[in-house]
PDB file of all heavy atoms in Angstrom:
ATOM      1  N   ILE A   1    -174.865 148.638  59.491  1.00  0.00           N
ATOM      2  CA  ILE A   1    -174.716 150.091  59.481  1.00  0.00           C
ATOM      3  C   ILE A   1    -173.353 150.504  58.951  1.00  0.00           C
ATOM      4  O   ILE A   1    -173.238 151.477  58.226  1.00  0.00           O
ATOM      5  CB  ILE A   1    -174.945 150.676  60.891  1.00  0.00           C
ATOM      6  CG1 ILE A   1    -176.410 150.547  61.254  1.00  0.00           C
ATOM      7  CG2 ILE A   1    -174.515 152.127  60.967  1.00  0.00           C
ATOM      8  CD1 ILE A   1    -176.761 151.025  62.620  1.00  0.00           C
ATOM      9  N   ALA A   2    -172.290 149.771  59.274  1.00  0.00           N
ATOM     10  CA  ALA A   2    -170.942 150.145  58.845  1.00  0.00           C
ATOM     11  C   ALA A   2    -170.816 150.196  57.327  1.00  0.00           C
ATOM     12  O   ALA A   2    -169.958 150.891  56.795  1.00  0.00           O
ATOM     13  CB  ALA A   2    -169.928 149.167  59.422  1.00  0.00           C
ATOM     14  N   HIS A   3    -171.656 149.477  56.598  1.00  0.00           N
ATOM     15  CA  HIS A   3    -171.568 149.442  55.145  1.00  0.00           C
ATOM     16  C   HIS A   3    -172.478 150.452  54.463  1.00  0.00           C
ATOM     17  O   HIS A   3    -172.433 150.592  53.252  1.00  0.00           O
ATOM     18  CB  HIS A   3    -171.900 148.032  54.630  1.00  0.00           C
ATOM     19  CG  HIS A   3    -170.944 147.000  55.141  1.00  0.00           C
ATOM     20  ND1 HIS A   3    -169.609 147.009  54.819  1.00  0.00           N
ATOM     21  CD2 HIS A   3    -171.136 145.951  55.968  1.00  0.00           C
ATOM     22  CE1 HIS A   3    -169.013 145.982  55.411  1.00  0.00           C
ATOM     23  NE2 HIS A   3    -169.921 145.335  56.119  1.00  0.00           N
ATOM     24  N   MET A   4    -173.282 151.130  55.226  1.00  0.00           N
ATOM     25  CA  MET A   4    -174.178 152.124  54.643  1.00  0.00           C
ATOM     26  C   MET A   4    -173.370 153.385  54.342  1.00  0.00           C
ATOM     27  O   MET A   4    -172.611 153.863  55.180  1.00  0.00           O
ATOM     28  CB  MET A   4    -175.335 152.426  55.583  1.00  0.00           C
ATOM     29  CG  MET A   4    -176.252 151.223  55.775  1.00  0.00           C
ATOM     30  SD  MET A   4    -177.585 151.549  56.913  1.00  0.00           S
ATOM     31  CE  MET A   4    -178.583 152.635  55.951  1.00  0.00           C
ATOM     32  N   PRO A   5    -173.506 153.974  53.152  1.00  0.00           N
ATOM     33  CA  PRO A   5    -172.674 155.114  52.774  1.00  0.00           C
ATOM     34  C   PRO A   5    -172.899 156.375  53.587  1.00  0.00           C
ATOM     35  O   PRO A   5    -172.001 157.177  53.727  1.00  0.00           O
ATOM     36  CB  PRO A   5    -173.035 155.346  51.309  1.00  0.00           C
ATOM     37  CG  PRO A   5    -174.359 154.714  51.123  1.00  0.00           C
ATOM     38  CD  PRO A   5    -174.432 153.585  52.106  1.00  0.00           C
ATOM     39  N   SER A   6    -174.081 156.598  54.136  1.00  0.00           N
ATOM     40  CA  SER A   6    -174.346 157.845  54.846  1.00  0.00           C
ATOM     41  C   SER A   6    -174.032 157.768  56.335  1.00  0.00           C
ATOM     42  O   SER A   6    -174.295 158.696  57.071  1.00  0.00           O
ATOM     43  CB  SER A   6    -175.805 158.254  54.648  1.00  0.00           C
ATOM     44  OG  SER A   6    -176.637 157.295  55.240  1.00  0.00           O
ATOM     45  N   VAL A   7    -173.490 156.657  56.789  1.00  0.00           N
ATOM     46  CA  VAL A   7    -173.219 156.500  58.205  1.00  0.00           C
ATOM     47  C   VAL A   7    -171.745 156.172  58.411  1.00  0.00           C
ATOM     48  O   VAL A   7    -171.198 155.307  57.746  1.00  0.00           O
ATOM     49  CB  VAL A   7    -174.104 155.375  58.816  1.00  0.00           C
ATOM     50  CG1 VAL A   7    -173.797 155.185  60.280  1.00  0.00           C
ATOM     51  CG2 VAL A   7    -175.563 155.692  58.619  1.00  0.00           C
ATOM     52  N   GLN A   8    -171.102 156.881  59.338  1.00  0.00           N
ATOM     53  CA  GLN A   8    -169.710 156.601  59.663  1.00  0.00           C
ATOM     54  C   GLN A   8    -169.645 155.421  60.615  1.00  0.00           C
ATOM     55  O   GLN A   8    -170.634 155.016  61.215  1.00  0.00           O
ATOM     56  CB  GLN A   8    -169.069 157.815  60.326  1.00  0.00           C
ATOM     57  CG  GLN A   8    -168.988 159.012  59.423  1.00  0.00           C
ATOM     58  CD  GLN A   8    -168.449 160.225  60.160  1.00  0.00           C
ATOM     59  OE1 GLN A   8    -168.471 160.271  61.390  1.00  0.00           O
ATOM     60  NE2 GLN A   8    -167.983 161.194  59.402  1.00  0.00           N
ATOM     61  N   ARG A   9    -168.456 154.880  60.801  1.00  0.00           N
ATOM     62  CA  ARG A   9    -168.281 153.730  61.700  1.00  0.00           C
ATOM     63  C   ARG A   9    -168.678 154.037  63.138  1.00  0.00           C
ATOM     64  O   ARG A   9    -169.137 153.180  63.848  1.00  0.00           O
ATOM     65  CB  ARG A   9    -166.839 153.241  61.649  1.00  0.00           C
ATOM     66  CG  ARG A   9    -166.505 152.591  60.344  1.00  0.00           C
ATOM     67  CD  ARG A   9    -165.163 151.889  60.459  1.00  0.00           C
ATOM     68  NE  ARG A   9    -164.743 151.414  59.170  1.00  0.00           N
ATOM     69  CZ  ARG A   9    -165.035 150.220  58.682  1.00  0.00           C
ATOM     70  NH1 ARG A   9    -165.771 149.389  59.368  1.00  0.00           N
ATOM     71  NH2 ARG A   9    -164.607 149.859  57.494  1.00  0.00           N
ATOM     72  N   ALA A  10    -168.484 155.262  63.577  1.00  0.00           N
ATOM     73  CA  ALA A  10    -168.838 155.623  64.950  1.00  0.00           C
ATOM     74  C   ALA A  10    -170.340 155.721  65.149  1.00  0.00           C
ATOM     75  O   ALA A  10    -170.805 155.915  66.252  1.00  0.00           O
ATOM     76  CB  ALA A  10    -168.181 156.944  65.325  1.00  0.00           C
ATOM     77  N   GLY A  11    -171.093 155.567  64.067  1.00  0.00           N
ATOM     78  CA  GLY A  11    -172.547 155.608  64.185  1.00  0.00           C
ATOM     79  C   GLY A  11    -173.128 156.983  63.963  1.00  0.00           C
ATOM     80  O   GLY A  11    -174.314 157.186  64.071  1.00  0.00           O
ATOM     81  N   LYS A  12    -172.277 157.963  63.654  1.00  0.00           N
ATOM     82  CA  LYS A  12    -172.760 159.311  63.410  1.00  0.00           C
ATOM     83  C   LYS A  12    -173.138 159.447  61.942  1.00  0.00           C
ATOM     84  O   LYS A  12    -172.457 158.949  61.064  1.00  0.00           O
ATOM     85  CB  LYS A  12    -171.685 160.337  63.745  1.00  0.00           C
ATOM     86  CG  LYS A  12    -171.329 160.360  65.212  1.00  0.00           C
ATOM     87  CD  LYS A  12    -170.272 161.396  65.459  1.00  0.00           C
ATOM     88  CE  LYS A  12    -169.857 161.392  66.924  1.00  0.00           C
ATOM     89  NZ  LYS A  12    -168.758 162.312  67.177  1.00  0.00           N
ATOM     90  N   ILE A  13    -174.207 160.137  61.701  1.00  0.00           N
ATOM     91  CA  ILE A  13    -174.652 160.365  60.333  1.00  0.00           C
ATOM     92  C   ILE A  13    -173.822 161.502  59.748  1.00  0.00           C
ATOM     93  O   ILE A  13    -173.675 162.557  60.365  1.00  0.00           O
ATOM     94  CB  ILE A  13    -176.153 160.710  60.281  1.00  0.00           C
ATOM     95  CG1 ILE A  13    -176.960 159.529  60.785  1.00  0.00           C
ATOM     96  CG2 ILE A  13    -176.571 161.116  58.878  1.00  0.00           C
ATOM     97  CD1 ILE A  13    -178.438 159.789  60.886  1.00  0.00           C
ATOM     98  N   LYS A  14    -173.280 161.276  58.572  1.00  0.00           N
ATOM     99  CA  LYS A  14    -172.519 162.325  57.903  1.00  0.00           C
ATOM    100  C   LYS A  14    -173.477 163.412  57.456  1.00  0.00           C
ATOM    101  O   LYS A  14    -174.545 163.137  56.944  1.00  0.00           O
ATOM    102  CB  LYS A  14    -171.814 161.770  56.654  1.00  0.00           C
ATOM    103  CG  LYS A  14    -170.670 160.852  56.935  1.00  0.00           C
ATOM    104  CD  LYS A  14    -170.046 160.439  55.615  1.00  0.00           C
ATOM    105  CE  LYS A  14    -168.985 159.407  55.806  1.00  0.00           C
ATOM    106  NZ  LYS A  14    -168.412 158.954  54.522  1.00  0.00           N
ATOM    107  N   SER A  15    -173.076 164.640  57.662  1.00  0.00           N
ATOM    108  CA  SER A  15    -173.918 165.724  57.174  1.00  0.00           C
ATOM    109  C   SER A  15    -173.581 165.965  55.710  1.00  0.00           C
ATOM    110  O   SER A  15    -172.435 166.150  55.352  1.00  0.00           O
ATOM    111  CB  SER A  15    -173.699 166.995  57.996  1.00  0.00           C
ATOM    112  OG  SER A  15    -172.380 167.436  57.856  1.00  0.00           O
ATOM    113  N   GLN A  16    -174.588 165.924  54.892  1.00  0.00           N
ATOM    114  CA  GLN A  16    -174.405 166.128  53.472  1.00  0.00           C
ATOM    115  C   GLN A  16    -174.335 167.625  53.221  1.00  0.00           C
ATOM    116  O   GLN A  16    -175.076 168.388  53.841  1.00  0.00           O
ATOM    117  CB  GLN A  16    -175.586 165.511  52.720  1.00  0.00           C
ATOM    118  CG  GLN A  16    -175.786 164.067  53.097  1.00  0.00           C
ATOM    119  CD  GLN A  16    -175.782 163.176  51.885  1.00  0.00           C
ATOM    120  OE1 GLN A  16    -175.965 163.631  50.796  1.00  0.00           O
ATOM    121  NE2 GLN A  16    -175.560 161.907  52.098  1.00  0.00           N
ATOM    122  N   PRO A  17    -173.447 168.070  52.332  1.00  0.00           N
ATOM    123  CA  PRO A  17    -173.385 169.499  52.055  1.00  0.00           C
ATOM    124  C   PRO A  17    -174.701 169.980  51.464  1.00  0.00           C
ATOM    125  O   PRO A  17    -175.268 169.334  50.593  1.00  0.00           O
ATOM    126  CB  PRO A  17    -172.242 169.628  51.043  1.00  0.00           C
ATOM    127  CG  PRO A  17    -172.025 168.262  50.500  1.00  0.00           C
ATOM    128  CD  PRO A  17    -172.530 167.301  51.525  1.00  0.00           C
ATOM    129  N   GLN A  18    -175.180 171.102  51.987  1.00  0.00           N
ATOM    130  CA  GLN A  18    -176.480 171.613  51.557  1.00  0.00           C
ATOM    131  C   GLN A  18    -176.283 172.601  50.411  1.00  0.00           C
ATOM    132  O   GLN A  18    -175.344 173.386  50.399  1.00  0.00           O
ATOM    133  CB  GLN A  18    -177.186 172.296  52.720  1.00  0.00           C
ATOM    134  CG  GLN A  18    -178.610 172.675  52.413  1.00  0.00           C
ATOM    135  CD  GLN A  18    -179.326 173.211  53.625  1.00  0.00           C
ATOM    136  OE1 GLN A  18    -178.713 173.727  54.537  1.00  0.00           O
ATOM    137  NE2 GLN A  18    -180.635 173.096  53.628  1.00  0.00           N
ATOM    138  N   ASP A  19    -177.171 172.546  49.465  1.00  0.00           N
ATOM    139  CA  ASP A  19    -177.177 173.465  48.346  1.00  0.00           C
ATOM    140  C   ASP A  19    -177.314 174.893  48.890  1.00  0.00           C
ATOM    141  O   ASP A  19    -178.224 175.169  49.677  1.00  0.00           O
ATOM    142  CB  ASP A  19    -178.353 173.115  47.432  1.00  0.00           C
ATOM    143  CG  ASP A  19    -178.437 173.960  46.183  1.00  0.00           C
ATOM    144  OD1 ASP A  19    -177.599 174.869  46.008  1.00  0.00           O
ATOM    145  OD2 ASP A  19    -179.344 173.698  45.371  1.00  0.00           O
ATOM    146  N   PRO A  20    -176.416 175.807  48.497  1.00  0.00           N
ATOM    147  CA  PRO A  20    -176.492 177.180  49.019  1.00  0.00           C
ATOM    148  C   PRO A  20    -177.812 177.884  48.703  1.00  0.00           C
ATOM    149  O   PRO A  20    -178.291 178.691  49.506  1.00  0.00           O
ATOM    150  CB  PRO A  20    -175.333 177.905  48.330  1.00  0.00           C
ATOM    151  CG  PRO A  20    -174.458 176.862  47.762  1.00  0.00           C
ATOM    152  CD  PRO A  20    -175.265 175.613  47.635  1.00  0.00           C
ATOM    153  N   LEU A  21    -178.412 177.562  47.557  1.00  0.00           N
ATOM    154  CA  LEU A  21    -179.706 178.159  47.228  1.00  0.00           C
ATOM    155  C   LEU A  21    -180.793 177.678  48.174  1.00  0.00           C
ATOM    156  O   LEU A  21    -181.635 178.460  48.621  1.00  0.00           O
ATOM    157  CB  LEU A  21    -180.102 177.843  45.785  1.00  0.00           C
ATOM    158  CG  LEU A  21    -179.310 178.539  44.685  1.00  0.00           C
ATOM    159  CD1 LEU A  21    -179.802 178.084  43.316  1.00  0.00           C
ATOM    160  CD2 LEU A  21    -179.416 180.041  44.810  1.00  0.00           C
ATOM    161  N   ARG A  22    -180.790 176.382  48.496  1.00  0.00           N
ATOM    162  CA  ARG A  22    -181.790 175.838  49.424  1.00  0.00           C
ATOM    163  C   ARG A  22    -181.595 176.445  50.810  1.00  0.00           C
ATOM    164  O   ARG A  22    -182.552 176.802  51.491  1.00  0.00           O
ATOM    165  CB  ARG A  22    -181.727 174.317  49.476  1.00  0.00           C
ATOM    166  CG  ARG A  22    -182.857 173.725  50.311  1.00  0.00           C
ATOM    167  CD  ARG A  22    -182.941 172.221  50.199  1.00  0.00           C
ATOM    168  NE  ARG A  22    -183.192 171.734  48.868  1.00  0.00           N
ATOM    169  CZ  ARG A  22    -184.388 171.703  48.273  1.00  0.00           C
ATOM    170  NH1 ARG A  22    -185.451 172.155  48.898  1.00  0.00           N
ATOM    171  NH2 ARG A  22    -184.526 171.201  47.066  1.00  0.00           N
ATOM    172  N   LYS A  23    -180.338 176.580  51.235  1.00  0.00           N
ATOM    173  CA  LYS A  23    -180.037 177.163  52.550  1.00  0.00           C
ATOM    174  C   LYS A  23    -180.540 178.604  52.610  1.00  0.00           C
ATOM    175  O   LYS A  23    -181.152 179.018  53.599  1.00  0.00           O
ATOM    176  CB  LYS A  23    -178.526 177.106  52.798  1.00  0.00           C
ATOM    177  CG  LYS A  23    -178.065 177.799  54.048  1.00  0.00           C
ATOM    178  CD  LYS A  23    -178.341 176.956  55.269  1.00  0.00           C
ATOM    179  CE  LYS A  23    -177.670 177.560  56.489  1.00  0.00           C
ATOM    180  NZ  LYS A  23    -178.617 178.077  57.455  1.00  0.00           N
ATOM    181  N   ALA A  24    -180.293 179.373  51.540  1.00  0.00           N
ATOM    182  CA  ALA A  24    -180.752 180.761  51.495  1.00  0.00           C
ATOM    183  C   ALA A  24    -182.281 180.833  51.549  1.00  0.00           C
ATOM    184  O   ALA A  24    -182.847 181.680  52.246  1.00  0.00           O
ATOM    185  CB  ALA A  24    -180.232 181.453  50.241  1.00  0.00           C
TER     186      ALA A  24
END
């Protein structure tokens, strides 16, 4: 898990920035 790009060392999933159009 520590080597996976979307996961931090603490085990929390990084939130990816959402496209403002998709959010709207």
